[in-house]
């Protein structure tokens, strides 16, 4: 697998994670906690809703997943850099 393929897969995972998180946050605000004065009262009833709770937990877990993805990418990039410094690729003859 080439470096370009790895980078494209990484960017695809990041993009999907961000789009899902953004969508869930907006759905939560729209359906469970609208940013209006009436929304304050609606939240009193929807805060304990299983649907609202599930949407909120999924977006929270996606945010944790996002941090883990970037941490893994940083560690992988550092390991690749150390490998390149330790054993540089040879040019074909």
Protein backbone atom coordinates (compact mmCIF):
# COMPACT_ATOMS: atom_id res chain seq x y z
CA UNK A 1 0.00 0.00 0.00
CA UNK A 2 1.43 3.35 -1.00
CA UNK A 3 1.69 6.42 1.17
CA UNK A 4 -0.90 8.15 -1.02
CA UNK A 5 -3.44 5.34 -0.48
CA UNK A 6 -2.85 5.46 3.26
CA UNK A 7 -3.28 9.24 3.31
CA UNK A 8 -6.49 9.03 1.25
CA UNK A 9 -7.95 6.40 3.56
CA UNK A 10 -7.01 8.49 6.58
CA UNK A 11 -8.65 11.58 5.08
CA UNK A 12 -11.77 9.58 4.21
CA UNK A 13 -12.10 8.31 7.80
CA UNK A 14 -11.58 11.83 9.16
CA UNK A 15 -14.14 13.31 6.73
CA UNK A 16 -16.77 10.67 7.55
CA UNK A 17 -16.21 11.12 11.28
CA UNK A 18 -16.52 14.91 11.05
CA UNK A 19 -19.64 14.78 8.87
CA UNK A 20 -21.35 12.27 11.18
CA UNK A 21 -20.44 14.28 14.27
CA UNK A 22 -21.67 17.53 12.74
CA UNK A 23 -24.91 15.89 11.62
CA UNK A 24 -25.60 14.35 15.02
CA UNK A 25 -24.88 17.58 16.90
CA UNK A 26 -27.23 19.52 14.63
CA UNK A 27 -29.92 16.84 14.89
CA UNK A 28 -29.61 16.93 18.69
CA UNK A 29 -29.96 20.70 18.77
CA UNK A 30 -32.89 20.68 16.35
CA UNK A 31 -34.90 17.87 17.93
CA UNK A 32 -33.83 17.81 21.58
CA UNK A 33 -32.58 21.22 22.63
CA UNK A 34 -33.57 24.06 20.30
CA UNK A 35 -31.66 27.33 20.88
CA UNK A 36 -34.79 29.38 21.60
CA UNK A 37 -36.65 30.44 24.71
CA UNK A 38 -39.28 27.77 23.92
CA UNK A 39 -36.39 25.30 23.50
CA UNK A 40 -35.57 25.73 27.18
CA UNK A 41 -38.96 24.28 28.07
CA UNK A 42 -38.80 21.62 25.36
CA UNK A 43 -35.48 20.46 26.80
CA UNK A 44 -37.17 19.83 30.14
CA UNK A 45 -39.14 17.03 28.50
CA UNK A 46 -36.70 15.76 25.89
CA UNK A 47 -33.54 15.63 28.03
CA UNK A 48 -34.42 12.20 29.38
CA UNK A 49 -35.62 10.88 26.04
CA UNK A 50 -33.86 7.67 25.00
CA UNK A 51 -33.50 9.00 21.45
CA UNK A 52 -31.92 12.28 22.57
CA UNK A 53 -29.66 10.45 25.00
CA UNK A 54 -28.54 8.03 22.30
CA UNK A 55 -27.81 10.76 19.77
CA UNK A 56 -25.82 12.68 22.39
CA UNK A 57 -23.82 9.60 23.41
CA UNK A 58 -23.03 8.67 19.80
CA UNK A 59 -21.74 12.16 19.01
CA UNK A 60 -19.68 12.10 22.22
CA UNK A 61 -18.13 8.73 21.30
CA UNK A 62 -17.39 10.01 17.79
CA UNK A 63 -15.50 12.94 19.30
CA UNK A 64 -13.44 10.51 21.39
CA UNK A 65 -12.88 8.37 18.28
CA UNK A 66 -11.68 11.46 16.39
CA UNK A 67 -9.04 12.18 19.03
CA UNK A 68 -7.91 8.55 18.94
CA UNK A 69 -7.58 8.66 15.14
CA UNK A 70 -5.32 11.72 15.29
CA UNK A 71 -3.27 10.23 18.13
CA UNK A 72 -2.74 7.05 16.14
CA UNK A 73 -1.81 9.03 13.04
CA UNK A 74 0.76 11.03 15.01
CA UNK A 75 2.31 7.89 16.48
CA UNK A 76 2.36 6.19 13.08
CA UNK A 77 3.97 9.23 11.44
CA UNK A 78 6.61 9.40 14.17
CA UNK A 79 7.35 5.67 13.82
CA UNK A 80 7.60 6.00 10.04
CA UNK A 81 9.96 8.97 10.42
CA UNK A 82 12.20 7.05 12.82
CA UNK A 83 12.27 4.10 10.42
CA UNK A 84 13.22 6.38 7.53
CA UNK A 85 16.03 7.94 9.58
CA UNK A 86 17.27 4.56 10.78
CA UNK A 87 17.00 2.69 7.47
CA UNK A 88 16.62 5.11 4.53
CA UNK A 89 15.22 3.65 1.31
CA UNK A 90 17.83 2.69 -1.25
CA UNK A 91 17.71 3.88 -4.82
CA UNK A 92 17.26 1.18 -7.48
CA UNK A 93 20.26 0.63 -9.76
